[in-house]
Amino acid sequence: MERLLSNDAEWAAWCRQDHRIAARSAFAFADMHDLVYGIDNFRGQQGRNTATFWGLAAEQLKLVAESLSQSGAISSAVLQPICLTAELAMKGTLLHLGIAEKDLRNTKLFGHDLTKLGQKMSQECSHRDDSLLLNALSCFPDYVGDRYRETRLSRMAVISLALGAQFVAASAVRRISGEDLAVQMEITGPGPRGNFFT
């Protein structure tokens, strides 16, 4: 069983005394908090399958975490649940905002195009995360077109994509759910997310 860090000194050592690593890990924690508690807070509400889509996104993220933690090697297969995490979370939010599920499935409108989904979500429900979210989505592979190809991405690049998917999912949830530990991180420290993520 993995041991949790028991104090700030252990966390600082784990972050190699690097303020940027510490800030990025704090935001990753905030994103996970906002995703999980946002889904839990929303589950009781009715309609549009929003919580179902968000829950499926969280399950895809869990598969990614398990895959990355159990293997030193990276395979192209892990890119599928990374992309699905982002897609399902944004589609759940768009369902809540009144976009019909048939439109979300329509390949001419959205389909699996993460950038189009992100743009529509930002348009329908703007949020302070929007520019960072769209920038993160621009780094994602074409997971439909690339699904039959071996990835050339390094392990660190895949981990960065996984954290990007977690951010996208958390942002999709927090703009609807009201859970927003990330804004507290921005206000009380370490500072604006944009200072640590480009």
Protein backbone atom coordinates (compact mmCIF):
# COMPACT_ATOMS: atom_id res chain seq x y z
CA MET A 1 0.00 0.00 0.00
CA GLU A 2 1.32 3.41 -0.94
CA ARG A 3 2.22 5.76 1.88
CA LEU A 4 0.82 9.28 1.84
CA LEU A 5 3.03 12.25 2.51
CA SER A 6 2.70 13.08 6.18
CA ASN A 7 3.91 16.69 6.30
CA ASP A 8 4.96 19.73 4.28
CA ALA A 9 8.65 18.79 4.45
CA GLU A 10 7.98 15.40 2.83
CA TRP A 11 5.87 17.07 0.15
CA ALA A 12 8.61 19.63 -0.54
CA ALA A 13 11.17 16.82 -0.82
CA TRP A 14 8.85 14.89 -3.16
CA CYS A 15 8.60 18.07 -5.27
CA ARG A 16 12.43 18.27 -5.30
CA GLN A 17 12.23 21.65 -3.55
CA ASP A 18 10.93 23.05 -6.85
CA HIS A 19 8.19 25.69 -6.42
CA ARG A 20 6.83 25.02 -9.92
CA ILE A 21 6.44 21.28 -9.29
CA ALA A 22 4.77 22.03 -5.95
CA ALA A 23 2.34 24.46 -7.55
CA ARG A 24 1.48 22.08 -10.38
CA SER A 25 0.88 19.23 -7.95
CA ALA A 26 -1.33 21.49 -5.81
CA PHE A 27 -3.44 22.33 -8.84
CA ALA A 28 -3.63 18.64 -9.80
CA PHE A 29 -4.95 17.93 -6.31
CA ALA A 30 -7.48 20.78 -6.63
CA ASP A 31 -8.62 19.46 -10.01
CA MET A 32 -9.20 15.98 -8.58
CA HIS A 33 -11.08 17.48 -5.63
CA ASP A 34 -13.30 19.61 -7.87
CA LEU A 35 -13.98 16.68 -10.20
CA VAL A 36 -14.90 14.14 -7.52
CA TYR A 37 -16.86 16.42 -5.20
CA GLY A 38 -18.51 18.20 -8.12
CA ILE A 39 -19.82 14.89 -9.44
CA ASP A 40 -20.98 13.82 -5.97
CA ASN A 41 -22.79 17.12 -5.40
CA PHE A 42 -24.49 16.91 -8.78
CA ARG A 43 -25.63 13.27 -8.68
CA GLY A 44 -28.90 14.05 -6.93
CA GLN A 45 -30.00 16.43 -9.67
CA GLN A 46 -32.24 15.19 -12.46
CA GLY A 47 -31.94 15.17 -16.20
CA ARG A 48 -29.71 15.16 -19.24
CA ASN A 49 -27.28 12.41 -18.11
CA THR A 50 -24.75 15.02 -17.00
CA ALA A 51 -23.64 13.12 -13.88
CA THR A 52 -23.46 9.88 -15.89
CA PHE A 53 -21.13 11.40 -18.46
CA TRP A 54 -19.02 13.01 -15.74
CA GLY A 55 -18.86 9.70 -13.84
CA LEU A 56 -17.73 7.90 -16.99
CA ALA A 57 -15.05 10.55 -17.48
CA ALA A 58 -13.80 9.93 -13.94
CA GLU A 59 -13.72 6.18 -14.58
CA GLN A 60 -11.63 6.71 -17.72
CA LEU A 61 -9.24 8.85 -15.67
CA LYS A 62 -8.99 6.07 -13.11
CA LEU A 63 -7.99 3.65 -15.88
CA VAL A 64 -5.29 6.07 -16.98
CA ALA A 65 -3.92 6.43 -13.45
CA GLU A 66 -3.86 2.67 -12.94
CA SER A 67 -2.16 2.09 -16.28
CA LEU A 68 0.52 4.71 -15.69
CA SER A 69 1.19 3.57 -12.13
CA GLN A 70 1.58 -0.13 -13.03
CA SER A 71 3.84 0.13 -16.03
CA GLY A 72 7.05 1.89 -16.95
CA ALA A 73 6.29 1.45 -20.63
CA ILE A 74 3.90 3.68 -22.55
CA SER A 75 1.60 2.25 -25.18
CA SER A 76 -0.74 4.03 -27.55
CA ALA A 77 -3.71 2.39 -25.84
CA VAL A 78 -3.50 4.75 -22.84
CA LEU A 79 -4.22 7.73 -25.11
CA GLN A 80 -7.78 6.51 -25.68
CA PRO A 81 -8.99 6.87 -22.06
CA ILE A 82 -7.06 10.15 -21.73
CA CYS A 83 -9.01 11.62 -24.64
CA LEU A 84 -12.27 10.01 -23.51
CA THR A 85 -11.88 11.64 -20.09
CA ALA A 86 -11.90 15.08 -21.69
CA GLU A 87 -14.62 14.25 -24.22
CA LEU A 88 -17.08 12.74 -21.75
CA ALA A 89 -16.64 15.51 -19.19
CA MET A 90 -17.23 18.28 -21.73
CA LYS A 91 -20.19 16.45 -23.26
CA GLY A 92 -21.72 16.06 -19.79
CA THR A 93 -21.47 19.80 -19.23
CA LEU A 94 -22.83 20.58 -22.68
CA LEU A 95 -25.80 18.27 -22.02
CA HIS A 96 -26.53 20.26 -18.86
CA LEU A 97 -26.31 23.47 -20.89
CA GLY A 98 -29.02 22.23 -23.23
CA ILE A 99 -27.04 20.83 -26.17
CA ALA A 100 -28.85 17.76 -27.48
CA GLU A 101 -27.06 14.42 -27.20
CA LYS A 102 -27.73 13.74 -30.89
CA ASP A 103 -25.87 16.96 -31.75
CA LEU A 104 -22.95 15.98 -29.54
CA ARG A 105 -22.71 12.67 -31.41
CA ASN A 106 -22.98 14.30 -34.83
CA THR A 107 -19.53 14.12 -36.41
CA LYS A 108 -20.21 17.24 -38.49
CA LEU A 109 -20.95 19.27 -35.37
CA PHE A 110 -18.77 17.77 -32.62
CA GLY A 111 -18.28 13.99 -32.64
CA HIS A 112 -14.90 13.31 -31.02
CA ASP A 113 -13.43 16.75 -31.81
CA LEU A 114 -12.15 17.90 -28.43
CA THR A 115 -11.34 21.42 -29.61
CA LYS A 116 -14.86 21.97 -30.97
CA LEU A 117 -16.33 20.64 -27.72
CA GLY A 118 -14.09 22.95 -25.68
CA GLN A 119 -14.96 25.96 -27.82
CA LYS A 120 -18.69 25.28 -27.50
CA MET A 121 -18.45 24.75 -23.75
CA SER A 122 -16.51 28.01 -23.36
CA GLN A 123 -19.05 29.83 -25.51
CA GLU A 124 -22.05 28.45 -23.62
CA CYS A 125 -20.60 28.85 -20.10
CA SER A 126 -17.48 31.00 -20.00
CA HIS A 127 -15.02 30.43 -17.17
CA ARG A 128 -11.63 31.74 -16.08
CA ASP A 129 -10.14 28.38 -17.24
CA ASP A 130 -11.15 28.86 -20.88
CA SER A 131 -7.87 30.00 -22.44
CA LEU A 132 -5.85 27.37 -20.55
CA LEU A 133 -8.45 24.71 -21.39
CA LEU A 134 -8.36 25.45 -25.11
CA ASN A 135 -4.57 25.51 -25.03
CA ALA A 136 -4.51 22.11 -23.27
CA LEU A 137 -6.93 20.64 -25.82
CA SER A 138 -4.73 21.80 -28.70
CA CYS A 139 -2.03 19.40 -27.40
CA PHE A 140 -4.25 16.30 -27.51
CA PRO A 141 -3.75 13.78 -30.31
CA ASP A 142 -6.42 13.02 -32.89
CA TYR A 143 -7.54 9.97 -31.02
CA VAL A 144 -9.82 8.73 -33.78
CA GLY A 145 -7.24 9.10 -36.51
CA ASP A 146 -4.33 7.95 -34.37
CA ARG A 147 -5.91 4.94 -32.71
CA TYR A 148 -4.19 2.47 -35.04
CA ARG A 149 -0.74 4.04 -34.74
CA GLU A 150 1.97 3.61 -32.14
CA THR A 151 2.59 6.77 -30.19
CA ARG A 152 5.93 8.51 -30.32
CA LEU A 153 5.17 10.44 -27.14
CA SER A 154 7.46 10.06 -24.17
CA ARG A 155 6.19 8.85 -20.80
CA MET A 156 6.39 12.42 -19.46
CA ALA A 157 4.41 13.75 -22.43
CA VAL A 158 1.69 11.14 -21.82
CA ILE A 159 1.59 12.02 -18.12
CA SER A 160 1.26 15.69 -19.10
CA LEU A 161 -1.67 14.78 -21.36
CA ALA A 162 -3.26 12.80 -18.54
CA LEU A 163 -2.99 15.78 -16.20
CA GLY A 164 -4.39 17.94 -18.99
CA ALA A 165 -7.38 15.61 -19.29
CA GLN A 166 -7.89 15.80 -15.52
CA PHE A 167 -7.82 19.62 -15.75
CA VAL A 168 -10.30 19.65 -18.67
CA ALA A 169 -12.65 17.31 -16.81
CA ALA A 170 -12.40 19.33 -13.58
CA SER A 171 -12.99 22.58 -15.45
CA ALA A 172 -16.05 21.13 -17.18
CA VAL A 173 -17.47 20.06 -13.82
CA ARG A 174 -16.56 23.11 -11.75
CA ARG A 175 -18.22 25.57 -14.12
CA ILE A 176 -21.55 23.84 -13.34
CA SER A 177 -21.21 22.19 -9.93
CA GLY A 178 -20.00 25.08 -7.80
CA GLU A 179 -17.02 23.06 -6.47
CA ASP A 180 -13.93 25.19 -6.97
CA LEU A 181 -10.93 24.47 -4.78
CA ALA A 182 -8.77 25.57 -7.72
CA VAL A 183 -9.86 29.20 -7.33
CA GLN A 184 -8.78 29.10 -3.69
CA MET A 185 -5.35 27.93 -4.86
CA GLU A 186 -5.21 30.86 -7.25
CA ILE A 187 -6.23 33.40 -4.59
CA THR A 188 -4.35 32.17 -1.51
CA GLY A 189 -1.40 30.49 -3.18
CA PRO A 190 0.44 29.38 -5.16
CA GLY A 191 -1.12 32.02 -7.47
CA PRO A 192 -2.80 32.10 -10.88
CA ARG A 193 -2.75 28.73 -12.67
CA GLY A 194 -1.47 30.42 -15.81
CA ASN A 195 1.82 31.18 -14.04
CA PHE A 196 2.56 27.44 -13.88
CA PHE A 197 0.84 26.01 -16.97
CA THR A 198 1.26 27.31 -20.48
